[in-house]
Amino acid sequence: MQTSKVIVFLFLFAFNYSESSTNFSYDPSQKIYGEIIEVKAVYEDTLVDLARTYNLGFNEIIQANPTVDKWLPGEGTLIKIPSAFILPSQYLNNGITINLSDFRGYLIQNGQLITFPVGIGRMDWKTPLGLSEIDLKLENPAWYPPKSVRDEYKQEGLILDSIVPPGPNNPLGKLAMRINIPGGYFIHGTNRPDGVGMEISHGCIRLFPEDIKELFEMSPIGTEVLVVDEPIKLAKSANKIFLQVHNAQFDYLTNEEYSYLEAKVMNYLTRNKIDRDTINWNKVKKIFKEKSGLIGQISY
């Protein structure tokens, strides 16, 4: 695939931005990292291809470009690349944080922040929230699907062996790290990278092969892992307030319940001693309605 040409920078938040679009120098006072850019699609591009090129998940690029055909964007179509991120309000400053609502993980270690897209559990196999730690690391793992998963396959007329050996048919990919939550949950690679950034797993956290390789190398046994669910994130940068809202998987984030968002914003303003009159509430409503995952300024 020909690399699409970057034509305009919309926002640049990280002053210590590195060559990799998702690796940064970590500053505890900074909550916004990365950039939003636009690229011009070439004929053979798909949104799935562009997501992989810019280390984005499927849902991230689809939500940011709701009017674009995901399979045939078309020659010359402008594509938003949502590579700017607000850290969740709850995150580990030494460990791995997974935010289900934005299908994204964040590793902070030794003054470095690495962020990466993730696939998560389906609605009927939700990834569990909470704090845990890595207690096992495996290279070329075999998969031992539990009976519940084998039964699900059987209901669909498929046969799933009790042991899936390492290889191209193993959904764990080449690397896996178990977290010590009952149920056998892993952070792992995949043999189906197109599913990264989607609700697709039986509760495990799925990464691109290149991302799990980096995470595996940097995460020793005992590394803490925090899984949170924050569809609404706010942050301050250069005396301006920014909002990021994702089209979350959870029912409470609907247009009819705008009051939830307003309360969330007001709580942030109160905690940071910011006057509500400094906020453009029409912009807040617009960002909430779009739920594009794109960071927007909401202060005047």
Protein backbone atom coordinates (compact mmCIF):
# COMPACT_ATOMS: atom_id res chain seq x y z
CA MET A 1 0.00 0.00 0.00
CA GLN A 2 1.31 3.42 -0.93
CA THR A 3 1.73 5.65 2.10
CA SER A 4 -0.83 8.44 2.13
CA LYS A 5 0.55 11.94 2.29
CA VAL A 6 0.11 14.01 5.44
CA ILE A 7 -1.29 17.35 4.32
CA VAL A 8 -2.25 19.29 7.43
CA PHE A 9 -1.68 19.25 11.19
CA LEU A 10 -4.94 20.08 13.00
CA PHE A 11 -3.66 19.96 16.58
CA LEU A 12 -0.28 19.22 18.12
CA PHE A 13 -0.36 18.67 21.87
CA ALA A 14 2.89 16.92 22.79
CA PHE A 15 5.88 19.22 22.71
CA ASN A 16 8.27 16.32 23.30
CA TYR A 17 6.84 14.29 20.46
CA SER A 18 8.94 11.39 19.17
CA GLU A 19 9.32 9.89 15.72
CA SER A 20 6.86 7.14 16.61
CA SER A 21 3.30 8.45 16.60
CA THR A 22 2.51 6.69 19.88
CA ASN A 23 5.74 6.98 21.91
CA PHE A 24 6.25 10.04 24.09
CA SER A 25 8.35 11.42 26.89
CA TYR A 26 6.06 11.31 29.93
CA ASP A 27 5.42 14.49 31.90
CA PRO A 28 3.19 14.00 34.98
CA SER A 29 1.77 17.50 34.52
CA GLN A 30 0.73 16.77 30.94
CA LYS A 31 -2.50 14.86 30.25
CA ILE A 32 -2.78 15.33 26.46
CA TYR A 33 -0.39 13.67 24.03
CA GLY A 34 -0.13 13.34 20.29
CA GLU A 35 -1.66 15.04 17.29
CA ILE A 36 -4.71 15.10 15.08
CA ILE A 37 -3.77 15.17 11.42
CA GLU A 38 -5.47 14.75 8.07
CA VAL A 39 -4.13 12.63 5.26
CA LYS A 40 -5.22 12.33 1.66
CA ALA A 41 -6.23 8.79 0.74
CA VAL A 42 -4.77 7.15 -2.34
CA TYR A 43 -6.78 4.79 -4.51
CA GLU A 44 -5.89 1.52 -2.78
CA ASP A 45 -6.29 2.78 0.81
CA THR A 46 -8.94 1.46 3.18
CA LEU A 47 -9.61 2.84 6.65
CA VAL A 48 -8.43 -0.49 8.06
CA ASP A 49 -5.10 -0.07 6.24
CA LEU A 50 -4.69 3.50 7.46
CA ALA A 51 -5.54 2.49 11.04
CA ARG A 52 -2.71 -0.04 11.03
CA THR A 53 -0.29 2.45 9.45
CA TYR A 54 -0.96 5.03 12.17
CA ASN A 55 -1.30 2.50 15.03
CA LEU A 56 -5.02 3.07 15.51
CA GLY A 57 -7.80 0.61 16.22
CA PHE A 58 -10.74 -0.04 13.91
CA ASN A 59 -13.31 1.87 15.98
CA GLU A 60 -11.01 4.87 16.45
CA ILE A 61 -10.63 5.60 12.75
CA ILE A 62 -14.26 4.77 11.92
CA GLN A 63 -15.63 7.10 14.62
CA ALA A 64 -13.35 9.93 13.49
CA ASN A 65 -14.53 9.56 9.88
CA PRO A 66 -18.24 8.67 10.08
CA THR A 67 -19.10 9.77 6.53
CA VAL A 68 -16.21 7.95 4.82
CA ASP A 69 -16.63 4.50 3.28
CA LYS A 70 -14.35 2.28 5.34
CA TRP A 71 -13.48 0.00 2.42
CA LEU A 72 -13.38 2.52 -0.44
CA PRO A 73 -12.56 6.01 0.87
CA GLY A 74 -11.67 7.12 -2.64
CA GLU A 75 -8.68 8.82 -4.21
CA GLY A 76 -8.04 12.23 -2.61
CA THR A 77 -10.52 11.83 0.27
CA LEU A 78 -9.38 13.61 3.44
CA ILE A 79 -9.08 11.19 6.36
CA LYS A 80 -8.79 12.36 9.97
CA ILE A 81 -6.11 10.48 11.93
CA PRO A 82 -7.12 10.74 15.63
CA SER A 83 -3.67 10.25 17.16
CA ALA A 84 -4.24 12.67 20.04
CA PHE A 85 -5.14 11.17 23.41
CA ILE A 86 -6.26 12.40 26.82
CA LEU A 87 -5.11 10.13 29.62
CA PRO A 88 -7.93 8.65 31.72
CA SER A 89 -8.46 10.33 35.09
CA GLN A 90 -7.45 7.01 36.66
CA TYR A 91 -4.17 5.69 35.33
CA LEU A 92 -0.96 4.10 36.57
CA ASN A 93 2.14 6.28 36.43
CA ASN A 94 4.20 3.09 36.50
CA GLY A 95 2.38 0.30 34.72
CA ILE A 96 -0.24 -0.46 32.08
CA THR A 97 -3.64 1.22 31.95
CA ILE A 98 -6.36 -0.04 29.61
CA ASN A 99 -9.36 2.21 28.93
CA LEU A 100 -12.15 0.10 27.46
CA SER A 101 -14.16 3.02 26.13
CA ASP A 102 -11.42 4.32 23.85
CA PHE A 103 -10.08 0.85 22.97
CA ARG A 104 -6.60 1.97 23.97
CA GLY A 105 -3.83 1.08 26.39
CA TYR A 106 -1.16 3.24 28.00
CA LEU A 107 2.19 2.04 29.37
CA ILE A 108 4.13 4.50 31.53
CA GLN A 109 7.59 3.42 32.56
CA ASN A 110 10.93 5.15 33.21
CA GLY A 111 9.75 8.52 31.96
CA GLN A 112 8.25 7.11 28.78
CA LEU A 113 4.61 6.86 27.66
CA ILE A 114 3.63 4.32 25.03
CA THR A 115 0.04 4.11 23.84
CA PHE A 116 -1.46 1.39 21.66
CA PRO A 117 -4.89 0.27 20.36
CA VAL A 118 -6.53 -2.79 21.89
CA GLY A 119 -9.30 -5.22 21.13
CA ILE A 120 -11.47 -5.99 24.15
CA GLY A 121 -14.18 -8.38 25.32
CA ARG A 122 -17.53 -8.53 23.59
CA MET A 123 -20.70 -7.38 25.33
CA ASP A 124 -21.38 -10.93 26.52
CA TRP A 125 -17.72 -11.52 27.49
CA LYS A 126 -16.72 -8.19 29.01
CA THR A 127 -13.14 -7.48 29.96
CA PRO A 128 -13.14 -7.16 33.77
CA LEU A 129 -12.36 -3.81 35.38
CA GLY A 130 -9.90 -3.31 38.20
CA LEU A 131 -6.27 -3.53 39.26
CA SER A 132 -4.17 -6.63 38.67
CA GLU A 133 -0.62 -7.53 37.68
CA ILE A 134 1.18 -9.67 35.15
CA ASP A 135 1.97 -13.05 36.68
CA LEU A 136 2.99 -15.11 33.62
CA LYS A 137 4.68 -14.39 30.28
CA LEU A 138 4.59 -16.85 27.39
CA GLU A 139 6.30 -16.98 24.02
CA ASN A 140 4.57 -18.99 21.28
CA PRO A 141 1.76 -19.89 23.69
CA ALA A 142 -0.72 -22.70 23.27
CA TRP A 143 -4.35 -21.76 23.88
CA TYR A 144 -6.49 -23.79 26.26
CA PRO A 145 -10.02 -22.52 25.56
CA PRO A 146 -12.38 -23.01 28.52
CA LYS A 147 -15.45 -25.20 28.18
CA SER A 148 -17.71 -22.15 27.91
CA VAL A 149 -15.87 -21.01 24.79
CA ARG A 150 -15.85 -24.50 23.28
CA ASP A 151 -19.59 -24.75 23.94
CA GLU A 152 -20.14 -21.45 22.16
CA TYR A 153 -18.27 -22.75 19.11
CA LYS A 154 -20.33 -25.94 19.23
CA GLN A 155 -23.57 -23.96 19.18
CA GLU A 156 -22.34 -22.34 15.98
CA GLY A 157 -21.63 -25.72 14.43
CA LEU A 158 -17.87 -25.46 14.89
CA ILE A 159 -15.41 -27.76 16.63
CA LEU A 160 -12.78 -26.15 18.85
CA ASP A 161 -10.10 -28.43 20.24
CA SER A 162 -9.29 -28.30 23.95
CA ILE A 163 -5.73 -27.28 23.02
CA VAL A 164 -4.87 -24.95 20.15
CA PRO A 165 -1.11 -25.28 19.51
CA PRO A 166 1.18 -22.36 18.66
CA GLY A 167 0.98 -21.30 15.04
CA PRO A 168 -1.01 -19.21 12.56
CA ASN A 169 -4.38 -20.48 13.82
CA ASN A 170 -3.73 -19.54 17.45
CA PRO A 171 -5.71 -16.40 18.43
CA LEU A 172 -3.15 -15.53 21.14
CA GLY A 173 -0.53 -14.77 18.51
CA LYS A 174 3.15 -15.22 19.35
CA LEU A 175 3.25 -13.50 22.76
CA ALA A 176 0.93 -13.48 25.77
CA MET A 177 1.00 -12.07 29.31
CA ARG A 178 -1.48 -13.33 31.89
CA ILE A 179 -3.00 -10.95 34.42
CA ASN A 180 -3.90 -12.37 37.83
CA ILE A 181 -7.66 -11.95 37.58
CA PRO A 182 -9.68 -15.16 38.03
CA GLY A 183 -10.78 -16.53 34.68
CA GLY A 184 -7.52 -16.73 32.77
CA TYR A 185 -7.32 -13.31 31.11
CA PHE A 186 -4.35 -12.39 28.92
CA ILE A 187 -2.85 -9.39 27.18
CA HIS A 188 -1.75 -10.97 23.93
CA GLY A 189 -1.04 -10.67 20.24
CA THR A 190 -3.37 -11.92 17.54
CA ASN A 191 -3.63 -13.82 14.31
CA ARG A 192 -6.43 -11.44 13.25
CA PRO A 193 -5.03 -7.90 13.51
CA ASP A 194 -8.10 -6.37 11.85
CA GLY A 195 -9.98 -7.06 15.10
CA VAL A 196 -7.78 -4.72 17.15
CA GLY A 197 -9.87 -1.76 18.23
CA MET A 198 -13.10 -3.75 18.42
CA GLU A 199 -15.21 -5.66 20.95
CA ILE A 200 -14.12 -9.04 19.68
CA SER A 201 -12.51 -11.23 22.34
CA HIS A 202 -13.76 -13.45 25.15
CA GLY A 203 -12.48 -10.88 27.66
CA CYS A 204 -8.78 -10.83 26.84
CA ILE A 205 -6.95 -7.72 25.63
CA ARG A 206 -5.73 -8.07 22.06
CA LEU A 207 -2.86 -6.07 20.49
CA PHE A 208 -1.22 -5.73 17.10
CA PRO A 209 1.79 -8.09 16.82
CA GLU A 210 4.22 -5.16 16.74
CA ASP A 211 2.67 -3.60 19.86
CA ILE A 212 2.62 -6.76 21.96
CA LYS A 213 6.28 -7.31 21.07
CA GLU A 214 7.22 -3.92 22.52
CA LEU A 215 4.93 -4.28 25.53
CA PHE A 216 6.18 -7.81 26.24
CA GLU A 217 9.80 -6.63 26.28
CA MET A 218 9.05 -3.70 28.61
CA SER A 219 6.71 -5.43 31.09
CA PRO A 220 8.35 -7.78 33.61
CA ILE A 221 6.44 -10.13 35.88
CA GLY A 222 4.74 -8.01 38.53
CA THR A 223 3.92 -5.09 36.22
CA GLU A 224 0.62 -3.62 37.39
CA VAL A 225 -2.35 -3.47 35.01
CA LEU A 226 -5.36 -1.21 35.59
CA VAL A 227 -8.50 -1.64 33.46
CA VAL A 228 -10.90 1.33 33.53
CA ASP A 229 -13.94 2.50 31.57
CA GLU A 230 -13.89 6.26 30.90
CA PRO A 231 -15.80 7.32 27.78
CA ILE A 232 -15.55 11.00 28.80
CA LYS A 233 -12.13 12.55 29.40
CA LEU A 234 -11.14 16.15 30.14
CA ALA A 235 -7.79 17.88 30.42
CA LYS A 236 -6.20 21.31 30.59
CA SER A 237 -3.36 22.43 28.34
CA ALA A 238 -1.97 25.96 27.92
CA ASN A 239 -4.84 27.32 30.06
CA LYS A 240 -7.43 25.82 27.72
CA ILE A 241 -9.88 23.01 28.51
CA PHE A 242 -10.26 20.05 26.17
CA LEU A 243 -12.87 17.29 25.96
CA GLN A 244 -12.73 13.84 24.36
CA VAL A 245 -15.84 11.64 24.08
CA HIS A 246 -15.93 8.16 22.60
CA ASN A 247 -18.90 6.29 21.23
CA ALA A 248 -18.76 3.90 24.14
CA GLN A 249 -20.21 0.42 24.38
CA PHE A 250 -22.20 1.28 27.49
CA ASP A 251 -25.87 2.30 27.56
CA TYR A 252 -25.57 5.31 29.85
CA LEU A 253 -23.69 7.36 27.25
CA THR A 254 -26.63 8.43 25.06
CA ASN A 255 -27.81 11.71 23.60
CA GLU A 256 -30.81 11.67 25.94
CA GLU A 257 -28.55 11.62 28.98
CA TYR A 258 -26.55 14.74 28.27
CA SER A 259 -26.97 15.61 31.96
CA TYR A 260 -24.41 12.90 32.77
CA LEU A 261 -21.82 14.65 30.60
CA GLU A 262 -22.69 18.06 32.05
CA ALA A 263 -22.22 16.71 35.57
CA LYS A 264 -18.89 15.18 34.53
CA VAL A 265 -17.68 18.50 33.13
CA MET A 266 -18.92 20.43 36.18
CA ASN A 267 -17.14 18.03 38.51
CA TYR A 268 -13.90 18.60 36.60
CA LEU A 269 -14.37 22.38 36.73
CA THR A 270 -15.09 22.33 40.46
CA ARG A 271 -12.07 20.17 41.27
CA ASN A 272 -9.82 22.46 39.24
CA LYS A 273 -11.46 25.72 40.44
CA ILE A 274 -12.52 26.77 36.94
CA ASP A 275 -15.52 29.06 36.35
CA ARG A 276 -18.28 27.39 34.31
CA ASP A 277 -18.71 30.62 32.34
CA THR A 278 -15.34 29.98 30.72
CA ILE A 279 -16.86 26.94 28.96
CA ASN A 280 -18.58 27.00 25.57
CA TRP A 281 -21.46 24.67 26.42
CA ASN A 282 -22.65 24.54 22.82
CA LYS A 283 -19.25 23.08 21.91
CA VAL A 284 -19.61 20.57 24.75
CA LYS A 285 -22.96 19.45 23.32
CA LYS A 286 -21.53 19.21 19.81
CA ILE A 287 -18.60 17.03 20.90
CA PHE A 288 -20.93 14.85 22.95
CA LYS A 289 -23.36 14.43 20.06
CA GLU A 290 -20.60 13.45 17.62
CA LYS A 291 -18.78 11.06 19.99
CA SER A 292 -15.99 10.96 17.42
CA GLY A 293 -13.09 10.44 19.81
CA LEU A 294 -11.53 13.65 18.47
CA ILE A 295 -10.26 16.04 21.13
CA GLY A 296 -11.97 19.42 21.04
CA GLN A 297 -11.42 22.67 22.89
CA ILE A 298 -14.43 23.61 25.04
CA SER A 299 -13.13 26.76 26.75
CA TYR A 300 -13.43 30.20 25.18
